[in-house]
């Protein structure tokens, strides 16, 4: 059973009555060649929102598998987990709201970060951007790295988010109501994420 199917079935059980569910898929391409895919799911019920995604990349000597889940209550992030495997090596990151602060423990490729000083409630995280369109200047939390960053306006109808190991540029249509692609620039492999129709 795939991660996406397991999340979907769990969501159906938890939110079977009067809940909201939405799914999206993306094709990952580099130089016009498909190198992977991303499946994302958003479910909502009783002021709880869950954003989950599963992405895979296979390109020459690179093999990546990433599973992310972010849980919001009343619009505030209360838990986020990321489990990834890059060329057979596992990494994990976890963020948890406890009383009045976040407990952050993140481990990614060539990156480790822990913190307990963030007390500002988080309202946007990277996984939410597959489904919702923010305004420029919004602070977004990166679940893999445990950092808040500001979305900067770039190019025409584009927003850029910088993380410790990469940059993502979100490209929108002229009326700014549809995500056209996400450009990912990093030190492993640059690629584009194109929403499937």
C-alpha atoms as a PDB file:
ATOM      1  CA  UNK A   1       0.000   0.000   0.000  1.00  0.00           C
ATOM      2  CA  UNK A   2       1.431   3.370  -1.013  1.00  0.00           C
ATOM      3  CA  UNK A   3       1.842   6.201   1.473  1.00  0.00           C
ATOM      4  CA  UNK A   4      -0.690   8.279  -0.408  1.00  0.00           C
ATOM      5  CA  UNK A   5      -3.303   5.494  -0.294  1.00  0.00           C
ATOM      6  CA  UNK A   6      -2.639   4.850   3.405  1.00  0.00           C
ATOM      7  CA  UNK A   7      -3.072   8.545   4.243  1.00  0.00           C
ATOM      8  CA  UNK A   8      -6.192   8.732   2.126  1.00  0.00           C
ATOM      9  CA  UNK A   9      -7.782   5.710   3.823  1.00  0.00           C
ATOM     10  CA  UNK A  10      -6.886   7.047   7.273  1.00  0.00           C
ATOM     11  CA  UNK A  11      -8.425  10.370   6.372  1.00  0.00           C
ATOM     12  CA  UNK A  12     -11.610   8.718   5.181  1.00  0.00           C
ATOM     13  CA  UNK A  13     -11.948   6.898   8.501  1.00  0.00           C
ATOM     14  CA  UNK A  14     -11.262  10.035  10.570  1.00  0.00           C
ATOM     15  CA  UNK A  15     -13.296  12.450   8.481  1.00  0.00           C
ATOM     16  CA  UNK A  16     -15.981  10.271   6.930  1.00  0.00           C
ATOM     17  CA  UNK A  17     -18.827  12.621   7.828  1.00  0.00           C
ATOM     18  CA  UNK A  18     -19.070  16.247   6.721  1.00  0.00           C
ATOM     19  CA  UNK A  19     -15.332  16.639   6.254  1.00  0.00           C
ATOM     20  CA  UNK A  20     -13.428  18.202   3.361  1.00  0.00           C
ATOM     21  CA  UNK A  21     -10.798  16.326   1.343  1.00  0.00           C
ATOM     22  CA  UNK A  22      -8.685  17.443  -1.615  1.00  0.00           C
ATOM     23  CA  UNK A  23      -5.838  15.739  -3.476  1.00  0.00           C
ATOM     24  CA  UNK A  24      -3.260  17.013  -5.963  1.00  0.00           C
ATOM     25  CA  UNK A  25      -0.464  15.378  -7.926  1.00  0.00           C
ATOM     26  CA  UNK A  26       2.656  16.907  -9.451  1.00  0.00           C
ATOM     27  CA  UNK A  27       5.146  15.647 -12.033  1.00  0.00           C
ATOM     28  CA  UNK A  28       8.790  16.418 -11.228  1.00  0.00           C
ATOM     29  CA  UNK A  29      10.933  17.267 -14.250  1.00  0.00           C
ATOM     30  CA  UNK A  30      14.516  18.272 -14.925  1.00  0.00           C
ATOM     31  CA  UNK A  31      15.568  19.441 -18.396  1.00  0.00           C
ATOM     32  CA  UNK A  32      12.126  18.341 -19.604  1.00  0.00           C
ATOM     33  CA  UNK A  33      12.606  14.745 -18.405  1.00  0.00           C
ATOM     34  CA  UNK A  34      10.331  13.220 -15.747  1.00  0.00           C
ATOM     35  CA  UNK A  35      12.380  12.347 -12.661  1.00  0.00           C
ATOM     36  CA  UNK A  36       9.681  11.853 -10.044  1.00  0.00           C
ATOM     37  CA  UNK A  37       6.257  12.612  -8.670  1.00  0.00           C
ATOM     38  CA  UNK A  38       4.556  14.173  -5.670  1.00  0.00           C
ATOM     39  CA  UNK A  39       1.145  13.259  -4.267  1.00  0.00           C
ATOM     40  CA  UNK A  40      -0.469  15.623  -1.771  1.00  0.00           C
ATOM     41  CA  UNK A  41      -3.644  15.472   0.308  1.00  0.00           C
ATOM     42  CA  UNK A  42      -5.479  18.067   2.400  1.00  0.00           C
ATOM     43  CA  UNK A  43      -8.308  17.091   4.746  1.00  0.00           C
ATOM     44  CA  UNK A  44     -10.263  19.303   7.108  1.00  0.00           C
ATOM     45  CA  UNK A  45     -12.891  18.754   9.786  1.00  0.00           C
ATOM     46  CA  UNK A  46     -13.824  20.377  13.098  1.00  0.00           C
ATOM     47  CA  UNK A  47     -11.093  23.054  12.876  1.00  0.00           C
ATOM     48  CA  UNK A  48      -8.395  20.418  12.201  1.00  0.00           C
ATOM     49  CA  UNK A  49      -6.467  20.568   8.890  1.00  0.00           C
ATOM     50  CA  UNK A  50      -4.043  17.855   7.805  1.00  0.00           C
ATOM     51  CA  UNK A  51      -1.636  18.366   4.890  1.00  0.00           C
ATOM     52  CA  UNK A  52       0.259  15.239   3.816  1.00  0.00           C
ATOM     53  CA  UNK A  53       2.548  14.599   0.859  1.00  0.00           C
ATOM     54  CA  UNK A  54       4.741  11.868  -0.556  1.00  0.00           C
ATOM     55  CA  UNK A  55       7.387  12.608  -3.175  1.00  0.00           C
ATOM     56  CA  UNK A  56       9.857  10.368  -4.984  1.00  0.00           C
ATOM     57  CA  UNK A  57      12.770  11.152  -7.301  1.00  0.00           C
ATOM     58  CA  UNK A  58      14.834   8.689  -9.320  1.00  0.00           C
ATOM     59  CA  UNK A  59      17.453  10.179 -11.625  1.00  0.00           C
ATOM     60  CA  UNK A  60      20.763   8.535 -12.601  1.00  0.00           C
ATOM     61  CA  UNK A  61      22.454   7.932  -9.208  1.00  0.00           C
ATOM     62  CA  UNK A  62      19.911   9.871  -7.125  1.00  0.00           C
ATOM     63  CA  UNK A  63      17.039   8.176  -5.313  1.00  0.00           C
ATOM     64  CA  UNK A  64      14.860  10.227  -2.927  1.00  0.00           C
ATOM     65  CA  UNK A  65      11.702   9.373  -0.977  1.00  0.00           C
ATOM     66  CA  UNK A  66      10.088  12.059   1.242  1.00  0.00           C
ATOM     67  CA  UNK A  67       6.922  11.832   3.373  1.00  0.00           C
ATOM     68  CA  UNK A  68       5.611  14.960   5.090  1.00  0.00           C
ATOM     69  CA  UNK A  69       2.621  15.551   7.359  1.00  0.00           C
ATOM     70  CA  UNK A  70       1.527  18.847   8.928  1.00  0.00           C
ATOM     71  CA  UNK A  71      -1.403  19.146  11.331  1.00  0.00           C
ATOM     72  CA  UNK A  72      -3.139  22.452  12.094  1.00  0.00           C
ATOM     73  CA  UNK A  73      -5.696  23.224  14.778  1.00  0.00           C
ATOM     74  CA  UNK A  74      -7.682  26.462  14.499  1.00  0.00           C
ATOM     75  CA  UNK A  75      -5.280  27.594  11.775  1.00  0.00           C
ATOM     76  CA  UNK A  76      -2.118  27.058  13.872  1.00  0.00           C
ATOM     77  CA  UNK A  77       0.496  24.375  13.197  1.00  0.00           C
ATOM     78  CA  UNK A  78       0.573  21.922  16.121  1.00  0.00           C
ATOM     79  CA  UNK A  79       2.672  19.102  14.638  1.00  0.00           C
ATOM     80  CA  UNK A  80       4.826  18.452  11.584  1.00  0.00           C
ATOM     81  CA  UNK A  81       6.880  15.396  10.661  1.00  0.00           C
ATOM     82  CA  UNK A  82       9.173  14.681   7.722  1.00  0.00           C
ATOM     83  CA  UNK A  83      10.679  11.277   7.004  1.00  0.00           C
ATOM     84  CA  UNK A  84      13.036  11.037   4.059  1.00  0.00           C
ATOM     85  CA  UNK A  85      15.451   8.577   2.517  1.00  0.00           C
ATOM     86  CA  UNK A  86      18.165   9.893   0.203  1.00  0.00           C
ATOM     87  CA  UNK A  87      20.220   7.210  -1.553  1.00  0.00           C
ATOM     88  CA  UNK A  88      19.393   4.748   1.221  1.00  0.00           C
ATOM     89  CA  UNK A  89      20.198   7.081   4.139  1.00  0.00           C
ATOM     90  CA  UNK A  90      17.260   8.038   6.410  1.00  0.00           C
ATOM     91  CA  UNK A  91      16.580  11.504   7.823  1.00  0.00           C
ATOM     92  CA  UNK A  92      13.741  12.798   9.986  1.00  0.00           C
ATOM     93  CA  UNK A  93      12.424  16.104  11.249  1.00  0.00           C
ATOM     94  CA  UNK A  94       9.766  16.793  13.853  1.00  0.00           C
ATOM     95  CA  UNK A  95       8.064  19.947  15.090  1.00  0.00           C
ATOM     96  CA  UNK A  96       5.625  19.892  17.994  1.00  0.00           C
ATOM     97  CA  UNK A  97       3.648  22.686  19.694  1.00  0.00           C
ATOM     98  CA  UNK A  98       3.910  22.172  23.479  1.00  0.00           C
ATOM     99  CA  UNK A  99       2.073  24.636  25.754  1.00  0.00           C
ATOM    100  CA  UNK A 100       3.516  27.945  24.501  1.00  0.00           C
ATOM    101  CA  UNK A 101       6.375  27.035  22.169  1.00  0.00           C
ATOM    102  CA  UNK A 102       7.587  24.713  19.433  1.00  0.00           C
ATOM    103  CA  UNK A 103       9.946  21.817  20.106  1.00  0.00           C
ATOM    104  CA  UNK A 104      11.964  21.517  16.894  1.00  0.00           C
ATOM    105  CA  UNK A 105      14.325  18.650  16.017  1.00  0.00           C
ATOM    106  CA  UNK A 106      15.302  18.560  12.340  1.00  0.00           C
ATOM    107  CA  UNK A 107      17.734  16.334  10.487  1.00  0.00           C
ATOM    108  CA  UNK A 108      18.139  16.616   6.723  1.00  0.00           C
ATOM    109  CA  UNK A 109      20.999  15.929   4.321  1.00  0.00           C
ATOM    110  CA  UNK A 110      24.056  17.881   5.597  1.00  0.00           C
ATOM    111  CA  UNK A 111      21.800  19.729   8.057  1.00  0.00           C
ATOM    112  CA  UNK A 112      20.858  19.418  11.737  1.00  0.00           C
ATOM    113  CA  UNK A 113      18.866  21.941  13.761  1.00  0.00           C
ATOM    114  CA  UNK A 114      17.145  21.873  17.161  1.00  0.00           C
ATOM    115  CA  UNK A 115      15.338  24.718  18.911  1.00  0.00           C
ATOM    116  CA  UNK A 116      12.836  25.446  21.689  1.00  0.00           C
ATOM    117  CA  UNK A 117      12.677  29.254  21.499  1.00  0.00           C
ATOM    118  CA  UNK A 118      10.043  29.742  18.770  1.00  0.00           C
ATOM    119  CA  UNK A 119       6.872  30.946  20.518  1.00  0.00           C
ATOM    120  CA  UNK A 120       5.144  32.673  17.580  1.00  0.00           C
ATOM    121  CA  UNK A 121       2.262  30.475  16.279  1.00  0.00           C
ATOM    122  CA  UNK A 122       2.920  29.195  12.746  1.00  0.00           C
ATOM    123  CA  UNK A 123       0.078  29.706  10.263  1.00  0.00           C
ATOM    124  CA  UNK A 124       1.811  28.674   7.008  1.00  0.00           C
ATOM    125  CA  UNK A 125       4.114  25.772   6.221  1.00  0.00           C
ATOM    126  CA  UNK A 126       5.563  24.530   2.949  1.00  0.00           C
ATOM    127  CA  UNK A 127       3.076  21.642   2.625  1.00  0.00           C
ATOM    128  CA  UNK A 128       0.152  24.071   2.738  1.00  0.00           C
ATOM    129  CA  UNK A 129       1.434  25.884  -0.379  1.00  0.00           C
ATOM    130  CA  UNK A 130       0.336  23.007  -2.639  1.00  0.00           C
ATOM    131  CA  UNK A 131      -3.271  23.931  -1.860  1.00  0.00           C
ATOM    132  CA  UNK A 132      -3.436  27.582  -0.832  1.00  0.00           C
ATOM    133  CA  UNK A 133      -1.996  30.774  -2.310  1.00  0.00           C
ATOM    134  CA  UNK A 134      -0.422  33.207   0.168  1.00  0.00           C
ATOM    135  CA  UNK A 135       0.446  36.861  -0.294  1.00  0.00           C
ATOM    136  CA  UNK A 136       3.987  38.166  -0.625  1.00  0.00           C
ATOM    137  CA  UNK A 137       5.535  38.826   2.778  1.00  0.00           C
ATOM    138  CA  UNK A 138       3.861  35.882   4.506  1.00  0.00           C
ATOM    139  CA  UNK A 139       6.100  33.875   6.836  1.00  0.00           C
ATOM    140  CA  UNK A 140       6.307  30.186   5.903  1.00  0.00           C
ATOM    141  CA  UNK A 141       7.717  27.385   8.038  1.00  0.00           C
ATOM    142  CA  UNK A 142       9.846  24.706   6.374  1.00  0.00           C
ATOM    143  CA  UNK A 143       9.014  21.374   7.985  1.00  0.00           C
ATOM    144  CA  UNK A 144      12.318  19.753   6.942  1.00  0.00           C
ATOM    145  CA  UNK A 145      14.552  22.506   8.334  1.00  0.00           C
ATOM    146  CA  UNK A 146      12.616  23.984  11.275  1.00  0.00           C
ATOM    147  CA  UNK A 147      12.958  27.566  10.052  1.00  0.00           C
ATOM    148  CA  UNK A 148      10.584  30.419   9.317  1.00  0.00           C
ATOM    149  CA  UNK A 149      11.198  32.384   6.126  1.00  0.00           C
ATOM    150  CA  UNK A 150       9.407  35.163   4.280  1.00  0.00           C
ATOM    151  CA  UNK A 151       7.914  34.686   0.821  1.00  0.00           C
ATOM    152  CA  UNK A 152       9.513  37.321  -1.397  1.00  0.00           C
ATOM    153  CA  UNK A 153       7.919  38.529  -4.620  1.00  0.00           C
ATOM    154  CA  UNK A 154      10.055  37.712  -7.666  1.00  0.00           C
ATOM    155  CA  UNK A 155       9.610  37.865 -11.422  1.00  0.00           C
ATOM    156  CA  UNK A 156       6.001  38.214 -12.583  1.00  0.00           C
ATOM    157  CA  UNK A 157       3.438  36.424 -10.409  1.00  0.00           C
ATOM    158  CA  UNK A 158       6.138  34.557  -8.499  1.00  0.00           C
ATOM    159  CA  UNK A 159       6.975  34.036  -4.830  1.00  0.00           C
ATOM    160  CA  UNK A 160      10.352  32.776  -3.602  1.00  0.00           C
ATOM    161  CA  UNK A 161      11.053  30.870  -0.409  1.00  0.00           C
ATOM    162  CA  UNK A 162      14.636  30.190   0.683  1.00  0.00           C
ATOM    163  CA  UNK A 163      15.508  27.256   2.948  1.00  0.00           C
ATOM    164  CA  UNK A 164      18.923  26.249   4.328  1.00  0.00           C
ATOM    165  CA  UNK A 165      19.584  23.854   1.409  1.00  0.00           C
ATOM    166  CA  UNK A 166      17.363  25.135  -1.410  1.00  0.00           C
ATOM    167  CA  UNK A 167      15.130  27.777  -2.969  1.00  0.00           C
ATOM    168  CA  UNK A 168      11.593  27.289  -4.218  1.00  0.00           C
ATOM    169  CA  UNK A 169       9.931  29.715  -6.618  1.00  0.00           C
ATOM    170  CA  UNK A 170       6.138  29.401  -6.852  1.00  0.00           C
ATOM    171  CA  UNK A 171       4.819  30.567 -10.238  1.00  0.00           C
ATOM    172  CA  UNK A 172       1.157  31.629 -10.532  1.00  0.00           C
ATOM    173  CA  UNK A 173      -1.118  32.609 -13.415  1.00  0.00           C
ATOM    174  CA  UNK A 174      -1.836  36.245 -14.316  1.00  0.00           C
ATOM    175  CA  UNK A 175      -4.881  36.453 -12.033  1.00  0.00           C
ATOM    176  CA  UNK A 176      -2.874  34.932  -9.184  1.00  0.00           C
ATOM    177  CA  UNK A 177      -5.375  32.176  -8.431  1.00  0.00           C
ATOM    178  CA  UNK A 178      -3.680  29.086  -9.875  1.00  0.00           C
ATOM    179  CA  UNK A 179      -0.286  27.491  -9.157  1.00  0.00           C
ATOM    180  CA  UNK A 180       1.452  26.803 -12.491  1.00  0.00           C
ATOM    181  CA  UNK A 181       4.712  25.295 -11.269  1.00  0.00           C
ATOM    182  CA  UNK A 182       7.229  25.200  -8.435  1.00  0.00           C
ATOM    183  CA  UNK A 183      10.862  25.702  -9.390  1.00  0.00           C
ATOM    184  CA  UNK A 184      13.184  23.923  -6.933  1.00  0.00           C
ATOM    185  CA  UNK A 185      16.846  24.983  -6.879  1.00  0.00           C
ATOM    186  CA  UNK A 186      19.158  23.019  -4.583  1.00  0.00           C
ATOM    187  CA  UNK A 187      22.591  21.437  -4.284  1.00  0.00           C
ATOM    188  CA  UNK A 188      21.307  17.914  -5.001  1.00  0.00           C
ATOM    189  CA  UNK A 189      19.307  18.388  -8.221  1.00  0.00           C
ATOM    190  CA  UNK A 190      17.324  21.297  -9.674  1.00  0.00           C
ATOM    191  CA  UNK A 191      13.850  20.400 -10.926  1.00  0.00           C
ATOM    192  CA  UNK A 192      10.379  21.762 -11.664  1.00  0.00           C
ATOM    193  CA  UNK A 193       7.177  20.523 -10.068  1.00  0.00           C
ATOM    194  CA  UNK A 194       4.282  20.739 -12.536  1.00  0.00           C
ATOM    195  CA  UNK A 195       0.703  20.262 -11.292  1.00  0.00           C
ATOM    196  CA  UNK A 196      -1.098  17.464 -13.124  1.00  0.00           C
ATOM    197  CA  UNK A 197      -4.400  18.490 -14.679  1.00  0.00           C
END
